[in-house]
Protein backbone atom coordinates (compact mmCIF):
# COMPACT_ATOMS: atom_id res chain seq x y z
CA MET A 1 26.35 -25.06 22.74
CA GLU A 2 24.15 -24.20 19.27
CA HIS A 3 21.39 -21.52 20.19
CA THR A 4 17.86 -22.77 19.29
CA ILE A 5 14.35 -21.53 18.77
CA ASP A 6 11.63 -22.77 20.04
CA SER A 7 13.51 -25.85 20.62
CA ILE A 8 14.41 -26.00 17.24
CA PRO A 9 18.73 -25.85 16.66
CA ILE A 10 19.14 -22.91 14.48
CA SER A 11 21.29 -24.95 11.83
CA THR A 12 18.26 -27.31 11.33
CA ILE A 13 16.34 -24.00 10.38
CA ASP A 14 18.85 -22.79 8.30
CA GLU A 15 18.89 -26.24 6.24
CA VAL A 16 14.88 -25.79 5.66
CA ILE A 17 15.71 -22.05 4.53
CA ARG A 18 18.02 -23.39 1.76
CA ARG A 19 16.13 -26.47 0.91
CA ILE A 20 12.97 -24.23 0.15
CA ALA A 21 14.77 -21.86 -1.71
CA ARG A 22 16.82 -24.68 -4.17
CA GLU A 23 13.19 -25.82 -4.70
CA LYS A 24 11.12 -23.10 -5.41
CA HIS A 25 14.65 -21.40 -7.22
CA ILE A 26 14.19 -18.34 -4.73
CA VAL A 27 17.16 -15.89 -5.51
CA PHE A 28 17.41 -13.74 -1.93
CA SER A 29 19.01 -10.81 -3.90
CA ARG A 30 15.41 -10.50 -5.38
CA VAL A 31 13.26 -11.99 -2.87
CA THR A 32 9.79 -10.87 -3.17
CA ILE A 33 7.68 -10.95 -0.19
CA ARG A 34 4.68 -13.49 -1.57
CA GLU A 35 8.61 -16.10 -1.23
CA ILE A 36 8.95 -15.04 1.70
CA ASP A 37 5.82 -15.87 2.93
CA LEU A 38 6.22 -19.15 1.05
CA ILE A 39 9.38 -20.02 3.23
CA ARG A 40 7.52 -18.81 6.23
CA ARG A 41 5.24 -21.54 5.73
CA GLU A 42 6.93 -24.12 4.72
CA LEU A 43 8.87 -23.62 8.19
CA VAL A 44 5.79 -23.96 10.35
CA THR A 45 4.33 -26.83 8.26
CA SER A 46 8.30 -28.51 8.40
CA LEU A 47 9.03 -27.80 11.38
CA GLY A 48 6.18 -26.93 13.51
CA LEU A 49 8.23 -22.95 14.26
CA GLU A 50 5.92 -20.28 15.23
CA MET A 51 7.00 -17.48 13.09
CA ALA A 52 7.08 -13.76 14.00
CA GLY A 53 5.43 -12.91 10.85
CA MET A 54 6.53 -9.30 9.99
CA ASP A 55 6.16 -9.68 6.22
CA MET A 56 2.85 -9.98 3.82
CA GLY A 57 1.06 -6.64 4.47
CA ILE A 58 -2.51 -8.56 5.09
CA PRO A 59 -5.07 -7.22 8.37
CA GLY A 60 -4.19 -8.52 11.69
CA LEU A 61 -7.99 -8.15 12.75
CA PRO A 62 -11.18 -9.83 11.74
CA THR A 63 -13.34 -8.03 8.88
CA PRO A 64 -15.94 -5.43 11.35
CA GLU A 65 -19.48 -7.23 11.43
CA VAL A 66 -21.10 -3.74 9.36
CA ILE A 67 -19.56 -4.69 6.51
CA ILE A 68 -20.32 -8.97 6.88
CA GLU A 69 -23.98 -8.45 7.63
CA ALA A 70 -24.07 -6.59 4.13
CA GLN A 71 -21.64 -8.88 2.25
CA LYS A 72 -24.76 -11.38 3.20
CA ALA A 73 -27.26 -9.53 2.79
CA ALA A 74 -26.34 -9.03 -0.79
CA VAL A 75 -25.62 -12.71 -1.76
CA ASN A 76 -28.55 -13.52 -0.20
CA GLY A 77 -30.18 -10.83 -2.79
CA ALA A 78 -31.38 -12.05 -6.38
CA ASN A 79 -28.62 -10.65 -8.42
CA CYS A 80 -26.33 -12.65 -8.00
CA SER A 81 -26.28 -14.62 -11.96
CA LEU A 82 -26.22 -10.82 -12.91
CA TYR A 83 -23.06 -9.43 -13.49
CA ALA A 84 -22.35 -5.46 -11.99
CA PRO A 85 -22.17 -2.73 -14.08
CA PHE A 86 -18.99 -2.28 -15.82
CA ASP A 87 -18.57 1.40 -13.87
CA GLY A 88 -19.61 -0.31 -10.45
CA LEU A 89 -22.67 -0.58 -8.60
CA PRO A 90 -24.63 2.96 -7.96
CA VAL A 91 -24.56 2.16 -4.55
CA LEU A 92 -20.74 2.25 -4.33
CA LYS A 93 -20.15 5.03 -6.38
CA GLU A 94 -22.29 7.35 -4.08
CA ALA A 95 -20.76 5.98 -1.03
CA THR A 96 -17.24 6.69 -2.25
CA ALA A 97 -18.16 10.28 -3.01
CA GLN A 98 -20.20 10.90 0.60
CA PHE A 99 -16.45 9.09 2.36
CA LEU A 100 -14.32 11.19 0.39
CA ASN A 101 -16.19 14.47 1.03
CA ALA A 102 -16.76 13.75 5.14
CA TYR A 103 -12.36 13.10 5.18
CA LEU A 104 -10.68 14.50 2.59
CA GLY A 105 -12.96 17.85 1.93
CA ILE A 106 -13.28 17.29 -1.57
CA THR A 107 -16.54 16.71 -4.01
CA VAL A 108 -16.02 14.55 -6.91
CA GLU A 109 -18.53 13.62 -9.10
CA PRO A 110 -19.71 9.33 -8.07
CA LYS A 111 -19.53 8.45 -11.89
CA ASN A 112 -16.21 8.98 -11.16
CA CYS A 113 -15.67 6.57 -8.50
CA ILE A 114 -15.17 3.47 -10.54
CA PRO A 115 -15.08 0.22 -8.47
CA THR A 116 -11.49 -1.88 -9.04
CA VAL A 117 -10.92 -5.48 -7.99
CA GLY A 118 -8.49 -4.19 -4.98
CA GLY A 119 -6.30 -1.61 -4.92
CA MET A 120 -4.00 -3.20 -6.73
CA HIS A 121 -6.17 -3.11 -9.96
CA GLY A 122 -7.14 0.21 -9.95
CA CYS A 123 -3.16 1.15 -9.57
CA LYS A 124 -2.53 -0.86 -12.74
CA VAL A 125 -5.48 0.59 -14.80
CA ASN A 126 -3.76 4.21 -13.83
CA ILE A 127 -0.46 3.19 -14.99
CA GLY A 128 -1.89 1.63 -18.03
CA ILE A 129 -3.56 4.98 -19.31
CA VAL A 130 -1.28 7.90 -18.48
CA GLY A 131 1.29 5.81 -19.47
CA ARG A 132 0.01 5.81 -22.96
CA LEU A 133 -1.53 9.45 -23.22
CA ASN A 134 1.16 11.52 -25.01
CA LYS A 135 3.63 9.80 -26.97
CA GLU A 136 6.50 11.98 -26.07
CA ARG A 137 5.45 11.48 -22.39
CA ASP A 138 6.83 7.89 -21.55
CA THR A 139 7.64 7.32 -18.07
CA ILE A 140 5.97 7.18 -14.72
CA LEU A 141 7.94 8.41 -11.83
CA PHE A 142 7.82 6.40 -8.95
CA LEU A 143 8.25 7.81 -5.42
CA VAL A 144 10.30 5.20 -3.82
CA PRO A 145 10.70 3.35 -1.94
CA GLY A 146 6.88 2.19 -2.91
CA PHE A 147 4.87 -0.50 -3.15
CA SER A 148 6.84 -3.02 -5.87
CA VAL A 149 4.05 -4.55 -7.77
CA ASN A 150 3.11 -1.30 -9.27
CA SER A 151 6.51 -1.15 -11.27
CA LEU A 152 5.72 -4.44 -11.74
CA GLN A 153 2.19 -3.19 -13.81
CA ALA A 154 4.42 -0.57 -15.73
CA LEU A 155 7.19 -2.97 -16.79
CA GLU A 156 3.70 -5.27 -18.40
CA TYR A 157 1.84 -2.69 -19.62
CA GLY A 158 5.82 -1.70 -21.33
CA ILE A 159 5.82 1.56 -19.74
CA LYS A 160 9.36 3.33 -18.36
CA THR A 161 9.53 3.59 -15.15
CA GLU A 162 11.74 6.42 -12.97
CA ASN A 163 12.01 6.04 -9.41
CA LEU A 164 13.08 9.80 -6.87
CA ASP A 165 13.76 8.05 -3.55
CA THR A 166 12.12 10.57 -0.84
CA HIS A 167 15.29 9.84 1.91
CA GLY A 168 15.68 13.07 3.25
CA LYS A 169 13.76 15.19 0.81
CA TYR A 170 11.16 16.66 2.74
CA GLY A 171 8.80 19.61 2.17
CA SER A 172 10.29 22.14 -0.79
CA HIS A 173 13.30 19.86 -0.70
CA LEU A 174 11.04 16.89 -2.13
CA VAL A 175 9.20 19.62 -4.08
CA ASP A 176 12.57 20.70 -5.52
CA ALA A 177 13.82 17.02 -6.57
CA ILE A 178 10.58 16.31 -8.31
CA GLU A 179 10.59 19.94 -10.50
CA GLU A 180 13.79 18.95 -11.20
CA ARG A 181 12.56 15.18 -12.83
CA ALA A 182 9.47 17.09 -14.16
CA ARG A 183 11.53 19.16 -16.79
CA LYS A 184 13.25 16.65 -18.48
CA GLY A 185 9.82 16.38 -20.63
CA ASN A 186 9.10 12.72 -20.36
CA VAL A 187 6.89 12.02 -17.64
CA ALA A 188 3.69 11.18 -18.17
CA GLY A 189 2.44 10.46 -14.16
CA ILE A 190 4.02 10.85 -10.49
CA MET A 191 2.63 7.66 -8.47
CA TRP A 192 2.95 7.66 -4.65
CA SER A 193 1.77 5.97 -1.85
CA SER A 194 0.64 8.18 1.71
CA PRO A 195 0.88 6.36 4.15
CA ASN A 196 3.51 4.80 2.05
CA ASN A 197 4.47 1.50 2.21
CA PRO A 198 6.65 0.55 3.29
CA THR A 199 7.78 3.43 5.18
CA TRP A 200 5.11 4.46 6.51
CA ARG A 201 5.52 8.59 5.22
CA VAL A 202 3.14 11.12 5.32
CA LEU A 203 3.14 13.70 2.45
CA SER A 204 2.39 17.00 4.18
CA GLU A 205 -0.14 19.47 2.58
CA ARG A 206 3.05 21.55 1.34
CA GLU A 207 4.59 18.52 0.09
CA LEU A 208 1.58 18.54 -1.85
CA GLU A 209 0.27 21.84 -2.74
CA GLY A 210 3.81 21.84 -4.40
CA ILE A 211 3.53 18.63 -5.91
CA GLY A 212 0.19 19.82 -7.75
CA LYS A 213 1.80 23.04 -9.23
CA ILE A 214 3.85 20.66 -10.94
CA LEU A 215 1.40 18.52 -12.28
CA THR A 216 -0.38 21.23 -13.13
CA GLN A 217 2.32 23.61 -14.95
CA TYR A 218 4.11 20.68 -16.44
CA ASP A 219 0.55 18.93 -17.20
CA ILE A 220 1.31 15.92 -15.06
CA ILE A 221 -1.32 13.40 -13.68
CA GLY A 222 -0.76 12.57 -10.38
CA ILE A 223 -2.11 8.76 -8.83
CA GLU A 224 -2.53 8.88 -5.14
CA ASP A 225 -2.27 5.31 -3.43
CA ALA A 226 -4.47 5.99 -0.36
CA ALA A 227 -5.22 1.98 0.98
CA TYR A 228 -3.86 3.18 4.32
CA LEU A 229 -5.85 6.50 4.66
CA GLY A 230 -6.53 7.50 8.14
CA LEU A 231 -4.40 5.07 9.69
CA ASP A 232 -1.61 7.41 10.50
CA SER A 233 -1.02 7.79 14.06
CA ARG A 234 -0.51 11.59 14.42
CA MET A 235 -3.80 12.25 12.41
CA LYS A 236 -6.37 11.83 14.82
CA GLU A 237 -7.15 15.46 14.85
CA ARG A 238 -8.36 15.20 11.53
CA ARG A 239 -10.53 11.85 12.02
CA THR A 240 -14.34 13.74 12.41
CA PRO A 241 -16.00 13.78 9.20
CA GLY A 242 -16.92 17.28 7.28
CA GLU A 243 -14.83 19.24 9.53
CA ASN A 244 -11.54 20.94 9.18
CA PRO A 245 -8.57 19.65 8.97
CA TYR A 246 -8.88 16.92 6.65
CA PHE A 247 -6.96 14.03 5.81
CA PRO A 248 -4.07 15.95 3.24
CA THR A 249 -4.58 14.80 -0.56
CA ILE A 250 -2.77 16.48 -3.76
CA ALA A 251 -7.20 16.59 -4.95
CA ASN A 252 -6.87 20.04 -3.21
CA TYR A 253 -4.24 21.35 -4.89
CA THR A 254 -4.38 20.04 -9.27
CA GLU A 255 -7.10 18.83 -11.24
CA LEU A 256 -4.84 16.36 -12.36
CA TRP A 257 -5.25 13.73 -9.87
CA ALA A 258 -6.39 9.97 -9.80
CA MET A 259 -6.91 8.27 -6.34
CA VAL A 260 -6.84 4.68 -4.92
CA ILE A 261 -8.73 3.14 -1.71
CA SER A 262 -9.38 0.25 -0.95
CA ALA A 263 -11.38 -1.89 1.57
CA SER A 264 -8.56 -4.08 2.09
CA LYS A 265 -6.58 -2.09 5.53
CA ILE A 266 -8.99 -0.07 6.64
CA PHE A 267 -11.94 -2.48 6.46
CA ASN A 268 -10.50 -5.29 6.94
CA PHE A 269 -11.89 -6.70 3.51
CA ALA A 270 -8.71 -8.09 1.69
CA GLY A 271 -10.10 -11.43 0.88
CA GLU A 272 -12.79 -10.01 -1.44
CA ARG A 273 -10.54 -7.86 -3.08
CA VAL A 274 -12.63 -4.91 -3.48
CA GLY A 275 -11.01 -1.12 -4.30
CA THR A 276 -12.36 2.23 -5.51
CA THR A 277 -10.59 4.68 -8.40
CA ILE A 278 -11.60 7.97 -8.17
CA LEU A 279 -10.91 10.58 -11.25
CA SER A 280 -10.90 14.51 -11.54
CA GLU A 281 -13.53 16.16 -13.37
CA THR A 282 -10.31 16.79 -15.49
CA VAL A 283 -9.06 13.57 -15.82
CA ALA A 284 -11.82 11.68 -16.52
CA LYS A 285 -12.86 13.85 -19.37
CA ARG A 286 -8.75 13.61 -20.72
CA LYS A 287 -8.83 12.64 -24.53
CA SER A 288 -5.91 11.27 -26.50
CA LYS A 289 -6.11 9.77 -30.10
CA ARG A 290 -3.33 7.28 -28.94
CA LEU A 291 -5.43 5.75 -26.26
CA LEU A 292 -7.59 4.00 -28.96
CA ASN A 293 -4.36 1.62 -29.87
CA PHE A 294 -4.30 0.28 -26.42
CA PHE A 295 -7.94 0.32 -24.76
CA SER A 296 -10.19 1.10 -27.83
CA ARG A 297 -11.60 4.53 -26.35
CA ASP A 298 -10.30 7.71 -26.59
CA ASN A 299 -10.83 9.25 -23.34
CA TYR A 300 -9.89 8.80 -19.57
CA TRP A 301 -12.80 7.59 -18.28
CA ASP A 302 -14.14 5.35 -21.22
CA ALA A 303 -10.37 3.89 -21.50
CA PHE A 304 -10.75 3.13 -17.74
CA VAL A 305 -14.05 1.17 -17.84
CA GLN A 306 -14.40 -0.43 -21.00
CA GLY A 307 -10.82 -0.52 -22.15
CA GLY A 308 -8.81 -0.97 -18.31
CA LEU A 309 -11.89 -2.54 -16.57
CA TYR A 310 -13.74 -4.87 -19.80
CA SER A 311 -10.49 -6.30 -20.63
CA SER A 312 -10.05 -7.80 -17.31
CA VAL A 313 -12.02 -8.63 -15.09
CA ALA A 314 -15.78 -7.93 -16.56
CA SER A 315 -17.09 -6.29 -13.40
CA VAL A 316 -16.63 -6.37 -9.89
CA SER A 317 -18.46 -8.45 -7.37
CA ARG A 318 -21.08 -7.34 -6.30
CA SER A 319 -21.67 -8.38 -2.70
CA ALA A 320 -18.29 -6.99 -2.27
CA GLN A 321 -19.46 -3.76 -3.48
CA HIS A 322 -22.25 -3.78 -1.43
CA ALA A 323 -20.13 -4.04 1.78
CA PHE A 324 -17.58 -2.09 0.76
CA ALA A 325 -20.44 0.64 0.34
CA VAL A 326 -21.48 -0.32 3.66
CA GLY A 327 -18.78 0.14 5.22
CA LEU A 328 -17.88 3.66 3.67
CA THR A 329 -21.44 5.21 4.77
CA ALA A 330 -21.52 3.56 8.40
CA ALA A 331 -17.44 4.95 8.61
CA THR A 332 -19.15 8.82 8.31
CA ASN A 333 -21.44 8.59 11.10
CA PRO A 334 -18.39 7.10 13.87
CA SER A 335 -20.93 7.15 16.16
CA SER A 336 -22.25 4.04 14.91
CA PHE A 337 -19.21 3.08 13.12
CA ASN A 338 -15.40 3.94 14.18
CA TYR A 339 -13.23 2.80 11.81
CA PHE A 340 -10.36 4.16 13.42
CA GLU A 341 -10.61 3.13 16.62
CA TYR A 342 -11.38 -0.36 15.30
CA ASP A 343 -8.30 -0.10 13.33
CA ARG A 344 -6.11 1.50 16.68
CA PRO A 345 -4.74 -1.94 17.43
CA TYR A 346 -2.74 -1.77 14.70
CA GLU A 347 -0.80 1.60 15.90
CA THR A 348 -0.12 0.03 19.22
CA ARG A 349 1.30 -3.44 17.83
CA ALA A 350 3.15 -0.82 15.74
CA GLN A 351 4.33 0.88 18.77
CA ALA A 352 5.25 -2.43 20.93
CA VAL A 353 7.05 -3.68 18.02
CA LYS A 354 9.28 -0.64 17.15
CA GLY A 355 10.02 -1.14 20.67
CA VAL A 356 11.11 -4.42 21.01
CA LEU A 357 13.39 -3.91 17.98
CA LEU A 358 14.93 -0.52 18.94
CA ARG A 359 16.03 -2.12 22.30
CA ASN A 360 17.78 -4.83 20.24
CA GLY A 361 20.53 -3.49 18.27
CA PHE A 362 17.99 -2.10 15.47
CA THR A 363 17.24 0.77 13.75
CA ILE A 364 15.11 2.67 11.21
CA PRO A 365 16.33 4.02 8.52
CA TYR A 366 13.08 5.63 6.92
CA ASP A 367 12.41 7.44 9.96
CA ARG A 368 11.52 10.76 9.09
CA ASP A 369 8.99 13.18 7.04
CA ASP A 370 7.50 16.73 6.83
CA TYR A 371 6.07 16.07 9.81
CA GLY A 372 8.67 14.80 11.54
CA LYS A 373 9.21 11.54 12.82
CA VAL A 374 7.30 8.79 11.25
CA GLY A 375 4.23 7.74 13.23
CA ASP A 376 2.66 4.58 14.11
CA GLY A 377 0.04 2.31 11.76
CA TYR A 378 0.53 -1.03 9.48
CA TYR A 379 4.85 -0.55 8.40
CA PHE A 380 7.81 0.93 8.92
CA THR A 381 11.66 -0.02 8.05
CA ALA A 382 13.93 -1.39 10.29
CA ALA A 383 18.09 -2.11 9.59
CA HIS A 384 21.02 -3.85 11.83
CA PRO A 385 24.73 -2.62 11.66
CA ALA A 386 26.13 -6.03 11.55
CA PHE A 387 24.22 -6.16 8.16
CA GLU A 388 24.88 -3.95 4.75
CA LYS A 389 22.32 -5.32 2.51
CA GLY A 390 19.02 -6.47 3.62
CA GLU A 391 18.10 -9.80 1.98
CA ARG A 392 20.86 -11.09 3.66
CA LEU A 393 18.91 -9.10 7.26
CA ALA A 394 15.99 -11.01 5.95
CA PHE A 395 17.82 -14.44 5.27
CA SER A 396 19.64 -14.07 8.84
CA LEU A 397 15.60 -12.93 10.43
CA LEU A 398 14.55 -16.26 9.27
CA GLN A 399 16.87 -18.68 11.00
CA TYR A 400 15.32 -16.74 13.96
CA GLY A 401 11.96 -17.16 13.37
CA MET A 402 10.97 -13.35 12.42
CA THR A 403 10.25 -12.58 8.84
CA ALA A 404 10.88 -9.79 6.87
CA VAL A 405 10.67 -8.19 3.47
CA PRO A 406 14.04 -6.78 2.39
CA LEU A 407 13.81 -3.14 1.21
CA VAL A 408 15.96 -3.72 -2.14
CA GLY A 409 12.35 -4.63 -4.23
CA PHE A 410 10.52 -1.51 -2.85
CA GLY A 411 12.94 0.67 -5.22
CA GLY A 412 15.09 3.24 -2.82
CA THR A 413 18.77 4.07 -2.05
CA ARG A 414 18.54 2.33 1.51
CA ASN A 415 18.90 -1.27 0.77
CA GLU A 416 20.20 -2.38 4.19
CA GLY A 417 16.97 -2.42 5.70
CA VAL A 418 13.61 -4.67 5.44
CA ARG A 419 9.83 -3.79 5.55
CA ILE A 420 8.33 -4.54 9.33
CA CYS A 421 4.55 -5.22 8.93
CA CYS A 422 3.32 -5.24 12.50
CA SER A 423 -0.38 -6.28 12.09
CA LYS A 424 -0.73 -9.25 13.19
CA VAL A 425 2.26 -9.30 16.30
CA ASP A 426 0.23 -8.89 19.23
CA GLY A 427 -0.13 -11.08 22.74
CA LEU A 428 2.28 -13.83 23.14
CA LEU A 429 3.94 -13.42 19.74
CA LEU A 430 4.76 -10.36 20.76
CA GLU A 431 6.78 -12.38 24.08
CA LYS A 432 8.60 -14.58 20.97
CA LEU A 433 9.48 -11.40 19.02
CA GLU A 434 11.56 -10.03 21.91
CA GLU A 435 13.36 -13.26 22.50
CA ARG A 436 14.21 -14.09 19.02
CA ALA A 437 15.31 -10.10 18.47
CA ARG A 438 17.24 -10.29 21.40
CA LEU A 439 19.11 -13.55 21.13
CA PHE A 440 19.76 -12.56 17.61
CA ASN A 441 21.06 -9.04 18.50
CA GLU A 442 23.49 -11.14 20.69
CA THR A 443 24.85 -13.06 18.44
CA HIS A 444 25.59 -10.41 15.79
CA SER A 445 26.95 -7.99 18.08
CA SER A 446 29.78 -10.34 19.24
């Protein structure tokens, strides 16, 4: 007897998946997050199948009221007809500096806090500038697995990339592996996310200290993507503003850094596309005549604002900047707005989804970092012993009403698995996930 998902035969689901793949020219060996989401939406529309969606990294909580009201007030103001300054509204620049001082313990100049259209935008401009500073240093080294779009951004600029898989490398072993690459002399920048997308690894203080020494010694710029700042379940003792211990950051160990933060995940404000790039004073003042050929300015700050931003978006939405500024300011006073508590459901959802999958034959390929067992938050990785390739696993999960993204697109070597995003899996959907994971495991363990 054929198995069904919500009374729909698996063979019917399979037919729809294959039809969509044909029509949309989707090749599963290189399937993207957006393509998985496209298939998910078509299965919902065509079959009425409620999917256990774990593919798209999108918020599963509403935007906090304090931020919504701030944006409303900004829209109702008198300045919507005017472009915002290219380098951002002073209110957001100040709020960013105060927020980072409160939770990272660092002092940055508000001038060097530059609003962007989401964190991705900031990442792209930084990659473009770092990769063009020096003709001999023409490569960005990505610590992977990592957000796949970043390598695409480098490709668009014509900048070379290399990947260093962090699996099994912790503490001094990771630092040694990075230095081995740095010695080659071709690395202009090193980029990572922490907490990491897709593994949820967090770089520790001793790892960041070692990386900082490498950046300084070899004159390399570190690009730190902190889009999920503070959301790791193990960092609770670091959530008091203005008090040690602070959240770990490269900014404490070198002057050669650029950082990206975003309202999308920490404040569940993804739709309005606003983030901030923060530059150290040393990086902001870095000069290179070579930048003139690509950004029409010869120093980093001007190349970022007058070259990278002006040529791509002109400026960031005024109302989104105001809302982000209010959120950052409110977050430095947890008694009025505790964003860590607001986002706590992501921790509990991750714990629940992990429990479901581990009970039903799955494993976690990237299961550790220098702190020990990876924490709970937005993402984790999963594999099943019946599958050697993550793209085949992702395809089969779709047949059982579940979605996830193959790890092959994230640049690492453990490509037997998938990335799981837990942000929207709760309540009845969690119950469906349990049923489907059990059926999936029974079918593929026989």
